[in-house]
mmCIF file of all heavy atoms, coordinates in Angstrom:
data_MODEL
# 
_entry.id   MODEL 
# 
loop_
_atom_site.group_PDB 
_atom_site.id 
_atom_site.type_symbol 
_atom_site.label_atom_id 
_atom_site.label_alt_id 
_atom_site.label_comp_id 
_atom_site.label_asym_id 
_atom_site.label_entity_id 
_atom_site.label_seq_id 
_atom_site.pdbx_PDB_ins_code 
_atom_site.Cartn_x 
_atom_site.Cartn_y 
_atom_site.Cartn_z 
_atom_site.occupancy 
_atom_site.B_iso_or_equiv 
_atom_site.pdbx_formal_charge 
_atom_site.auth_seq_id 
_atom_site.auth_comp_id 
_atom_site.auth_asym_id 
_atom_site.auth_atom_id 
_atom_site.pdbx_PDB_model_num 
ATOM 1   N N   . ALA A 1 1  ? -38.975 -32.181 -87.112  1.00 0.00 ? 1  ALA A N   1 
ATOM 2   C CA  . ALA A 1 1  ? -40.160 -31.379 -87.353  1.00 0.00 ? 1  ALA A CA  1 
ATOM 3   C C   . ALA A 1 1  ? -40.782 -31.702 -88.706  1.00 0.00 ? 1  ALA A C   1 
ATOM 4   O O   . ALA A 1 1  ? -42.024 -31.741 -88.858  1.00 0.00 ? 1  ALA A O   1 
ATOM 5   C CB  . ALA A 1 1  ? -39.755 -29.857 -87.231  1.00 0.00 ? 1  ALA A CB  1 
ATOM 6   N N   . THR A 1 2  ? -39.896 -31.840 -89.746  1.00 0.00 ? 2  THR A N   1 
ATOM 7   C CA  . THR A 1 2  ? -40.322 -32.143 -91.053  1.00 0.00 ? 2  THR A CA  1 
ATOM 8   C C   . THR A 1 2  ? -41.086 -33.533 -91.070  1.00 0.00 ? 2  THR A C   1 
ATOM 9   O O   . THR A 1 2  ? -42.216 -33.572 -91.760  1.00 0.00 ? 2  THR A O   1 
ATOM 10  C CB  . THR A 1 2  ? -39.205 -32.099 -92.009  1.00 0.00 ? 2  THR A CB  1 
ATOM 11  O OG1 . THR A 1 2  ? -38.502 -30.897 -92.011  1.00 0.00 ? 2  THR A OG1 1 
ATOM 12  C CG2 . THR A 1 2  ? -39.667 -32.430 -93.430  1.00 0.00 ? 2  THR A CG2 1 
ATOM 13  N N   . GLN A 1 3  ? -40.590 -34.445 -90.475  1.00 0.00 ? 3  GLN A N   1 
ATOM 14  C CA  . GLN A 1 3  ? -41.259 -35.707 -90.444  1.00 0.00 ? 3  GLN A CA  1 
ATOM 15  C C   . GLN A 1 3  ? -42.649 -35.607 -89.734  1.00 0.00 ? 3  GLN A C   1 
ATOM 16  O O   . GLN A 1 3  ? -43.616 -36.167 -90.330  1.00 0.00 ? 3  GLN A O   1 
ATOM 17  C CB  . GLN A 1 3  ? -40.442 -36.806 -89.586  1.00 0.00 ? 3  GLN A CB  1 
ATOM 18  C CG  . GLN A 1 3  ? -39.199 -37.181 -90.282  1.00 0.00 ? 3  GLN A CG  1 
ATOM 19  C CD  . GLN A 1 3  ? -38.389 -38.243 -89.419  1.00 0.00 ? 3  GLN A CD  1 
ATOM 20  O OE1 . GLN A 1 3  ? -38.387 -38.134 -88.177  1.00 0.00 ? 3  GLN A OE1 1 
ATOM 21  N NE2 . GLN A 1 3  ? -37.599 -39.050 -90.077  1.00 0.00 ? 3  GLN A NE2 1 
ATOM 22  N N   . ASP A 1 4  ? -42.774 -34.826 -88.694  1.00 0.00 ? 4  ASP A N   1 
ATOM 23  C CA  . ASP A 1 4  ? -44.088 -34.666 -88.023  1.00 0.00 ? 4  ASP A CA  1 
ATOM 24  C C   . ASP A 1 4  ? -45.064 -33.920 -88.905  1.00 0.00 ? 4  ASP A C   1 
ATOM 25  O O   . ASP A 1 4  ? -46.316 -34.243 -89.023  1.00 0.00 ? 4  ASP A O   1 
ATOM 26  C CB  . ASP A 1 4  ? -43.880 -33.830 -86.748  1.00 0.00 ? 4  ASP A CB  1 
ATOM 27  C CG  . ASP A 1 4  ? -43.208 -34.568 -85.637  1.00 0.00 ? 4  ASP A CG  1 
ATOM 28  O OD1 . ASP A 1 4  ? -43.193 -35.776 -85.785  1.00 0.00 ? 4  ASP A OD1 1 
ATOM 29  O OD2 . ASP A 1 4  ? -42.671 -33.913 -84.735  1.00 0.00 ? 4  ASP A OD2 1 
ATOM 30  N N   . ILE A 1 5  ? -44.619 -32.932 -89.662  1.00 0.00 ? 5  ILE A N   1 
ATOM 31  C CA  . ILE A 1 5  ? -45.441 -32.168 -90.664  1.00 0.00 ? 5  ILE A CA  1 
ATOM 32  C C   . ILE A 1 5  ? -45.901 -32.988 -91.792  1.00 0.00 ? 5  ILE A C   1 
ATOM 33  O O   . ILE A 1 5  ? -47.068 -33.003 -92.119  1.00 0.00 ? 5  ILE A O   1 
ATOM 34  C CB  . ILE A 1 5  ? -44.686 -30.994 -91.163  1.00 0.00 ? 5  ILE A CB  1 
ATOM 35  C CG1 . ILE A 1 5  ? -44.520 -29.902 -89.968  1.00 0.00 ? 5  ILE A CG1 1 
ATOM 36  C CG2 . ILE A 1 5  ? -45.436 -30.225 -92.248  1.00 0.00 ? 5  ILE A CG2 1 
ATOM 37  C CD1 . ILE A 1 5  ? -43.582 -28.752 -90.420  1.00 0.00 ? 5  ILE A CD1 1 
ATOM 38  N N   . VAL A 1 6  ? -44.985 -33.841 -92.250  1.00 0.00 ? 6  VAL A N   1 
ATOM 39  C CA  . VAL A 1 6  ? -45.322 -34.792 -93.393  1.00 0.00 ? 6  VAL A CA  1 
ATOM 40  C C   . VAL A 1 6  ? -46.408 -35.802 -92.927  1.00 0.00 ? 6  VAL A C   1 
ATOM 41  O O   . VAL A 1 6  ? -47.299 -36.047 -93.616  1.00 0.00 ? 6  VAL A O   1 
ATOM 42  C CB  . VAL A 1 6  ? -44.121 -35.480 -93.924  1.00 0.00 ? 6  VAL A CB  1 
ATOM 43  C CG1 . VAL A 1 6  ? -44.440 -36.706 -94.786  1.00 0.00 ? 6  VAL A CG1 1 
ATOM 44  C CG2 . VAL A 1 6  ? -43.141 -34.604 -94.608  1.00 0.00 ? 6  VAL A CG2 1 
ATOM 45  N N   . LYS A 1 7  ? -46.214 -36.292 -91.697  1.00 0.00 ? 7  LYS A N   1 
ATOM 46  C CA  . LYS A 1 7  ? -47.141 -37.199 -91.093  1.00 0.00 ? 7  LYS A CA  1 
ATOM 47  C C   . LYS A 1 7  ? -48.598 -36.522 -91.120  1.00 0.00 ? 7  LYS A C   1 
ATOM 48  O O   . LYS A 1 7  ? -49.662 -37.137 -91.431  1.00 0.00 ? 7  LYS A O   1 
ATOM 49  C CB  . LYS A 1 7  ? -46.829 -37.645 -89.895  1.00 0.00 ? 7  LYS A CB  1 
ATOM 50  C CG  . LYS A 1 7  ? -47.634 -38.712 -89.167  1.00 0.00 ? 7  LYS A CG  1 
ATOM 51  C CD  . LYS A 1 7  ? -47.105 -39.209 -87.893  1.00 0.00 ? 7  LYS A CD  1 
ATOM 52  C CE  . LYS A 1 7  ? -48.040 -40.241 -87.214  1.00 0.00 ? 7  LYS A CE  1 
ATOM 53  N NZ  . LYS A 1 7  ? -47.526 -40.692 -85.983  1.00 0.00 ? 7  LYS A NZ  1 
ATOM 54  N N   . GLU A 1 8  ? -48.620 -35.290 -90.687  1.00 0.00 ? 8  GLU A N   1 
ATOM 55  C CA  . GLU A 1 8  ? -49.908 -34.583 -90.562  1.00 0.00 ? 8  GLU A CA  1 
ATOM 56  C C   . GLU A 1 8  ? -50.432 -34.330 -91.892  1.00 0.00 ? 8  GLU A C   1 
ATOM 57  O O   . GLU A 1 8  ? -51.767 -34.387 -92.062  1.00 0.00 ? 8  GLU A O   1 
ATOM 58  C CB  . GLU A 1 8  ? -49.751 -33.174 -89.783  1.00 0.00 ? 8  GLU A CB  1 
ATOM 59  C CG  . GLU A 1 8  ? -49.296 -33.381 -88.354  1.00 0.00 ? 8  GLU A CG  1 
ATOM 60  C CD  . GLU A 1 8  ? -49.206 -32.108 -87.600  1.00 0.00 ? 8  GLU A CD  1 
ATOM 61  O OE1 . GLU A 1 8  ? -49.783 -31.085 -88.052  1.00 0.00 ? 8  GLU A OE1 1 
ATOM 62  O OE2 . GLU A 1 8  ? -48.661 -32.104 -86.518  1.00 0.00 ? 8  GLU A OE2 1 
ATOM 63  N N   . VAL A 1 9  ? -49.694 -34.098 -92.878  1.00 0.00 ? 9  VAL A N   1 
ATOM 64  C CA  . VAL A 1 9  ? -50.193 -33.970 -94.289  1.00 0.00 ? 9  VAL A CA  1 
ATOM 65  C C   . VAL A 1 9  ? -50.739 -35.301 -94.812  1.00 0.00 ? 9  VAL A C   1 
ATOM 66  O O   . VAL A 1 9  ? -51.960 -35.325 -95.289  1.00 0.00 ? 9  VAL A O   1 
ATOM 67  C CB  . VAL A 1 9  ? -49.014 -33.419 -95.203  1.00 0.00 ? 9  VAL A CB  1 
ATOM 68  C CG1 . VAL A 1 9  ? -49.583 -33.540 -96.676  1.00 0.00 ? 9  VAL A CG1 1 
ATOM 69  C CG2 . VAL A 1 9  ? -48.685 -32.029 -94.898  1.00 0.00 ? 9  VAL A CG2 1 
ATOM 70  N N   . GLN A 1 10 ? -50.078 -36.278 -94.468  1.00 0.00 ? 10 GLN A N   1 
ATOM 71  C CA  . GLN A 1 10 ? -50.569 -37.712 -94.948  1.00 0.00 ? 10 GLN A CA  1 
ATOM 72  C C   . GLN A 1 10 ? -51.813 -38.103 -94.309  1.00 0.00 ? 10 GLN A C   1 
ATOM 73  O O   . GLN A 1 10 ? -52.584 -38.696 -94.878  1.00 0.00 ? 10 GLN A O   1 
ATOM 74  C CB  . GLN A 1 10 ? -49.449 -38.685 -94.670  1.00 0.00 ? 10 GLN A CB  1 
ATOM 75  C CG  . GLN A 1 10 ? -48.151 -38.667 -95.542  1.00 0.00 ? 10 GLN A CG  1 
ATOM 76  C CD  . GLN A 1 10 ? -47.110 -39.582 -95.059  1.00 0.00 ? 10 GLN A CD  1 
ATOM 77  O OE1 . GLN A 1 10 ? -47.014 -39.988 -93.985  1.00 0.00 ? 10 GLN A OE1 1 
ATOM 78  N NE2 . GLN A 1 10 ? -46.266 -39.940 -96.040  1.00 0.00 ? 10 GLN A NE2 1 
ATOM 79  N N   . GLU A 1 11 ? -52.005 -37.655 -93.113  1.00 0.00 ? 11 GLU A N   1 
ATOM 80  C CA  . GLU A 1 11 ? -53.271 -38.017 -92.287  1.00 0.00 ? 11 GLU A CA  1 
ATOM 81  C C   . GLU A 1 11 ? -54.355 -37.019 -92.597  1.00 0.00 ? 11 GLU A C   1 
ATOM 82  O O   . GLU A 1 11 ? -55.420 -37.157 -92.046  1.00 0.00 ? 11 GLU A O   1 
ATOM 83  C CB  . GLU A 1 11 ? -52.994 -37.936 -90.788  1.00 0.00 ? 11 GLU A CB  1 
ATOM 84  C CG  . GLU A 1 11 ? -51.982 -39.056 -90.393  1.00 0.00 ? 11 GLU A CG  1 
ATOM 85  C CD  . GLU A 1 11 ? -51.571 -39.036 -88.894  1.00 0.00 ? 11 GLU A CD  1 
ATOM 86  O OE1 . GLU A 1 11 ? -51.898 -37.895 -88.322  1.00 0.00 ? 11 GLU A OE1 1 
ATOM 87  O OE2 . GLU A 1 11 ? -51.010 -39.975 -88.365  1.00 0.00 ? 11 GLU A OE2 1 
ATOM 88  N N   . GLY A 1 12 ? -54.153 -35.998 -93.529  1.00 0.00 ? 12 GLY A N   1 
ATOM 89  C CA  . GLY A 1 12 ? -55.159 -35.085 -93.819  1.00 0.00 ? 12 GLY A CA  1 
ATOM 90  C C   . GLY A 1 12 ? -55.412 -33.988 -92.805  1.00 0.00 ? 12 GLY A C   1 
ATOM 91  O O   . GLY A 1 12 ? -56.345 -33.209 -92.933  1.00 0.00 ? 12 GLY A O   1 
ATOM 92  N N   . LYS A 1 13 ? -54.572 -33.835 -91.799  1.00 0.00 ? 13 LYS A N   1 
ATOM 93  C CA  . LYS A 1 13 ? -54.684 -32.785 -90.816  1.00 0.00 ? 13 LYS A CA  1 
ATOM 94  C C   . LYS A 1 13 ? -54.171 -31.557 -91.171  1.00 0.00 ? 13 LYS A C   1 
ATOM 95  O O   . LYS A 1 13 ? -54.420 -30.419 -90.676  1.00 0.00 ? 13 LYS A O   1 
ATOM 96  C CB  . LYS A 1 13 ? -53.984 -33.285 -89.514  1.00 0.00 ? 13 LYS A CB  1 
ATOM 97  C CG  . LYS A 1 13 ? -54.546 -34.517 -88.803  1.00 0.00 ? 13 LYS A CG  1 
ATOM 98  C CD  . LYS A 1 13 ? -53.747 -34.918 -87.686  1.00 0.00 ? 13 LYS A CD  1 
ATOM 99  C CE  . LYS A 1 13 ? -54.200 -36.206 -87.076  1.00 0.00 ? 13 LYS A CE  1 
ATOM 100 N NZ  . LYS A 1 13 ? -53.469 -36.671 -85.832  1.00 0.00 ? 13 LYS A NZ  1 
ATOM 101 N N   . LEU A 1 14 ? -53.270 -31.524 -92.244  1.00 0.00 ? 14 LEU A N   1 
ATOM 102 C CA  . LEU A 1 14 ? -52.622 -30.280 -92.750  1.00 0.00 ? 14 LEU A CA  1 
ATOM 103 C C   . LEU A 1 14 ? -52.519 -30.454 -94.313  1.00 0.00 ? 14 LEU A C   1 
ATOM 104 O O   . LEU A 1 14 ? -52.227 -31.498 -94.823  1.00 0.00 ? 14 LEU A O   1 
ATOM 105 C CB  . LEU A 1 14 ? -51.286 -30.193 -92.109  1.00 0.00 ? 14 LEU A CB  1 
ATOM 106 C CG  . LEU A 1 14 ? -50.514 -28.957 -92.249  1.00 0.00 ? 14 LEU A CG  1 
ATOM 107 C CD1 . LEU A 1 14 ? -51.221 -27.814 -91.508  1.00 0.00 ? 14 LEU A CD1 1 
ATOM 108 C CD2 . LEU A 1 14 ? -49.047 -29.166 -91.684  1.00 0.00 ? 14 LEU A CD2 1 
ATOM 109 N N   . SER A 1 15 ? -52.706 -29.306 -94.957  1.00 0.00 ? 15 SER A N   1 
ATOM 110 C CA  . SER A 1 15 ? -52.398 -29.329 -96.398  1.00 0.00 ? 15 SER A CA  1 
ATOM 111 C C   . SER A 1 15 ? -51.057 -28.806 -96.728  1.00 0.00 ? 15 SER A C   1 
ATOM 112 O O   . SER A 1 15 ? -50.552 -28.022 -95.866  1.00 0.00 ? 15 SER A O   1 
ATOM 113 C CB  . SER A 1 15 ? -53.472 -28.600 -97.231  1.00 0.00 ? 15 SER A CB  1 
ATOM 114 O OG  . SER A 1 15 ? -53.329 -27.134 -97.034  1.00 0.00 ? 15 SER A OG  1 
ATOM 115 N N   . VAL A 1 16 ? -50.487 -29.110 -97.790  1.00 0.00 ? 16 VAL A N   1 
ATOM 116 C CA  . VAL A 1 16 ? -49.111 -28.550 -98.188  1.00 0.00 ? 16 VAL A CA  1 
ATOM 117 C C   . VAL A 1 16 ? -49.215 -27.022 -98.175  1.00 0.00 ? 16 VAL A C   1 
ATOM 118 O O   . VAL A 1 16 ? -48.220 -26.418 -97.766  1.00 0.00 ? 16 VAL A O   1 
ATOM 119 C CB  . VAL A 1 16 ? -48.719 -29.127 -99.561  1.00 0.00 ? 16 VAL A CB  1 
ATOM 120 C CG1 . VAL A 1 16 ? -47.456 -28.415 -99.985  1.00 0.00 ? 16 VAL A CG1 1 
ATOM 121 C CG2 . VAL A 1 16 ? -48.511 -30.545 -99.545  1.00 0.00 ? 16 VAL A CG2 1 
ATOM 122 N N   . ASP A 1 17 ? -50.269 -26.412 -98.699  1.00 0.00 ? 17 ASP A N   1 
ATOM 123 C CA  . ASP A 1 17 ? -50.379 -24.984 -98.805  1.00 0.00 ? 17 ASP A CA  1 
ATOM 124 C C   . ASP A 1 17 ? -50.454 -24.342 -97.416  1.00 0.00 ? 17 ASP A C   1 
ATOM 125 O O   . ASP A 1 17 ? -50.233 -23.094 -97.251  1.00 0.00 ? 17 ASP A O   1 
ATOM 126 C CB  . ASP A 1 17 ? -51.600 -24.578 -99.596  1.00 0.00 ? 17 ASP A CB  1 
ATOM 127 C CG  . ASP A 1 17 ? -51.521 -24.933 -101.073 1.00 0.00 ? 17 ASP A CG  1 
ATOM 128 O OD1 . ASP A 1 17 ? -50.268 -25.002 -101.531 1.00 0.00 ? 17 ASP A OD1 1 
ATOM 129 O OD2 . ASP A 1 17 ? -52.504 -25.138 -101.719 1.00 0.00 ? 17 ASP A OD2 1 
ATOM 130 N N   . ASP A 1 18 ? -50.774 -25.101 -96.431  1.00 0.00 ? 18 ASP A N   1 
ATOM 131 C CA  . ASP A 1 18 ? -50.871 -24.549 -95.042  1.00 0.00 ? 18 ASP A CA  1 
ATOM 132 C C   . ASP A 1 18 ? -49.483 -24.447 -94.354  1.00 0.00 ? 18 ASP A C   1 
ATOM 133 O O   . ASP A 1 18 ? -49.447 -23.957 -93.210  1.00 0.00 ? 18 ASP A O   1 
ATOM 134 C CB  . ASP A 1 18 ? -51.819 -25.448 -94.211  1.00 0.00 ? 18 ASP A CB  1 
ATOM 135 C CG  . ASP A 1 18 ? -53.234 -25.356 -94.556  1.00 0.00 ? 18 ASP A CG  1 
ATOM 136 O OD1 . ASP A 1 18 ? -53.634 -24.315 -95.108  1.00 0.00 ? 18 ASP A OD1 1 
ATOM 137 O OD2 . ASP A 1 18 ? -53.920 -26.287 -94.396  1.00 0.00 ? 18 ASP A OD2 1 
ATOM 138 N N   . ILE A 1 19 ? -48.455 -25.067 -95.010  1.00 0.00 ? 19 ILE A N   1 
ATOM 139 C CA  . ILE A 1 19 ? -47.126 -25.070 -94.311  1.00 0.00 ? 19 ILE A CA  1 
ATOM 140 C C   . ILE A 1 19 ? -46.404 -23.710 -94.379  1.00 0.00 ? 19 ILE A C   1 
ATOM 141 O O   . ILE A 1 19 ? -45.898 -23.388 -95.518  1.00 0.00 ? 19 ILE A O   1 
ATOM 142 C CB  . ILE A 1 19 ? -46.235 -26.119 -94.877  1.00 0.00 ? 19 ILE A CB  1 
ATOM 143 C CG1 . ILE A 1 19 ? -46.920 -27.539 -94.765  1.00 0.00 ? 19 ILE A CG1 1 
ATOM 144 C CG2 . ILE A 1 19 ? -44.920 -26.307 -94.196  1.00 0.00 ? 19 ILE A CG2 1 
ATOM 145 C CD1 . ILE A 1 19 ? -46.175 -28.647 -95.474  1.00 0.00 ? 19 ILE A CD1 1 
ATOM 146 N N   . THR A 1 20 ? -46.503 -22.913 -93.354  1.00 0.00 ? 20 THR A N   1 
ATOM 147 C CA  . THR A 1 20 ? -45.989 -21.659 -93.298  1.00 0.00 ? 20 THR A CA  1 
ATOM 148 C C   . THR A 1 20 ? -44.700 -21.680 -92.340  1.00 0.00 ? 20 THR A C   1 
ATOM 149 O O   . THR A 1 20 ? -44.474 -22.657 -91.702  1.00 0.00 ? 20 THR A O   1 
ATOM 150 C CB  . THR A 1 20 ? -46.884 -20.531 -92.808  1.00 0.00 ? 20 THR A CB  1 
ATOM 151 O OG1 . THR A 1 20 ? -47.331 -20.982 -91.476  1.00 0.00 ? 20 THR A OG1 1 
ATOM 152 C CG2 . THR A 1 20 ? -48.150 -20.537 -93.656  1.00 0.00 ? 20 THR A CG2 1 
ATOM 153 N N   . GLU A 1 21 ? -44.002 -20.505 -92.225  1.00 0.00 ? 21 GLU A N   1 
ATOM 154 C CA  . GLU A 1 21 ? -42.875 -20.434 -91.342  1.00 0.00 ? 21 GLU A CA  1 
ATOM 155 C C   . GLU A 1 21 ? -43.426 -20.709 -89.830  1.00 0.00 ? 21 GLU A C   1 
ATOM 156 O O   . GLU A 1 21 ? -42.775 -21.343 -88.963  1.00 0.00 ? 21 GLU A O   1 
ATOM 157 C CB  . GLU A 1 21 ? -42.140 -19.070 -91.480  1.00 0.00 ? 21 GLU A CB  1 
ATOM 158 C CG  . GLU A 1 21 ? -41.328 -19.047 -92.657  1.00 0.00 ? 21 GLU A CG  1 
ATOM 159 C CD  . GLU A 1 21 ? -40.496 -17.752 -92.689  1.00 0.00 ? 21 GLU A CD  1 
ATOM 160 O OE1 . GLU A 1 21 ? -40.495 -17.104 -91.634  1.00 0.00 ? 21 GLU A OE1 1 
ATOM 161 O OE2 . GLU A 1 21 ? -39.998 -17.372 -93.734  1.00 0.00 ? 21 GLU A OE2 1 
ATOM 162 N N   . ASP A 1 22 ? -44.612 -20.140 -89.603  1.00 0.00 ? 22 ASP A N   1 
ATOM 163 C CA  . ASP A 1 22 ? -45.204 -20.265 -88.251  1.00 0.00 ? 22 ASP A CA  1 
ATOM 164 C C   . ASP A 1 22 ? -45.527 -21.775 -87.926  1.00 0.00 ? 22 ASP A C   1 
ATOM 165 O O   . ASP A 1 22 ? -45.367 -22.242 -86.781  1.00 0.00 ? 22 ASP A O   1 
ATOM 166 C CB  . ASP A 1 22 ? -46.498 -19.510 -88.121  1.00 0.00 ? 22 ASP A CB  1 
ATOM 167 C CG  . ASP A 1 22 ? -46.123 -17.960 -88.020  1.00 0.00 ? 22 ASP A CG  1 
ATOM 168 O OD1 . ASP A 1 22 ? -45.053 -17.635 -87.725  1.00 0.00 ? 22 ASP A OD1 1 
ATOM 169 O OD2 . ASP A 1 22 ? -47.105 -17.089 -88.265  1.00 0.00 ? 22 ASP A OD2 1 
ATOM 170 N N   . VAL A 1 23 ? -45.938 -22.443 -89.031  1.00 0.00 ? 23 VAL A N   1 
ATOM 171 C CA  . VAL A 1 23 ? -46.285 -23.899 -88.777  1.00 0.00 ? 23 VAL A CA  1 
ATOM 172 C C   . VAL A 1 23 ? -44.970 -24.696 -88.485  1.00 0.00 ? 23 VAL A C   1 
ATOM 173 O O   . VAL A 1 23 ? -44.896 -25.588 -87.588  1.00 0.00 ? 23 VAL A O   1 
ATOM 174 C CB  . VAL A 1 23 ? -46.960 -24.529 -90.001  1.00 0.00 ? 23 VAL A CB  1 
ATOM 175 C CG1 . VAL A 1 23 ? -46.986 -26.073 -90.008  1.00 0.00 ? 23 VAL A CG1 1 
ATOM 176 C CG2 . VAL A 1 23 ? -48.400 -23.959 -90.062  1.00 0.00 ? 23 VAL A CG2 1 
ATOM 177 N N   . ILE A 1 24 ? -43.901 -24.391 -89.265  1.00 0.00 ? 24 ILE A N   1 
ATOM 178 C CA  . ILE A 1 24 ? -42.577 -25.002 -89.008  1.00 0.00 ? 24 ILE A CA  1 
ATOM 179 C C   . ILE A 1 24 ? -42.130 -24.685 -87.512  1.00 0.00 ? 24 ILE A C   1 
ATOM 180 O O   . ILE A 1 24 ? -41.760 -25.582 -86.901  1.00 0.00 ? 24 ILE A O   1 
ATOM 181 C CB  . ILE A 1 24 ? -41.530 -24.529 -90.062  1.00 0.00 ? 24 ILE A CB  1 
ATOM 182 C CG1 . ILE A 1 24 ? -41.995 -25.110 -91.440  1.00 0.00 ? 24 ILE A CG1 1 
ATOM 183 C CG2 . ILE A 1 24 ? -40.242 -25.179 -89.647  1.00 0.00 ? 24 ILE A CG2 1 
ATOM 184 C CD1 . ILE A 1 24 ? -41.179 -24.598 -92.578  1.00 0.00 ? 24 ILE A CD1 1 
ATOM 185 N N   . SER A 1 25 ? -42.178 -23.426 -87.250  1.00 0.00 ? 25 SER A N   1 
ATOM 186 C CA  . SER A 1 25 ? -41.739 -23.065 -85.848  1.00 0.00 ? 25 SER A CA  1 
ATOM 187 C C   . SER A 1 25 ? -42.550 -23.787 -84.735  1.00 0.00 ? 25 SER A C   1 
ATOM 188 O O   . SER A 1 25 ? -41.987 -24.197 -83.696  1.00 0.00 ? 25 SER A O   1 
ATOM 189 C CB  . SER A 1 25 ? -41.946 -21.582 -85.634  1.00 0.00 ? 25 SER A CB  1 
ATOM 190 O OG  . SER A 1 25 ? -41.075 -20.787 -86.484  1.00 0.00 ? 25 SER A OG  1 
# 
């Protein structure tokens, strides 16, 4: 899940500040 989130941040689909518990879930 962390790898997927990091990839979305790198692609500009998600910002670091957007990473909430709900996003991780």
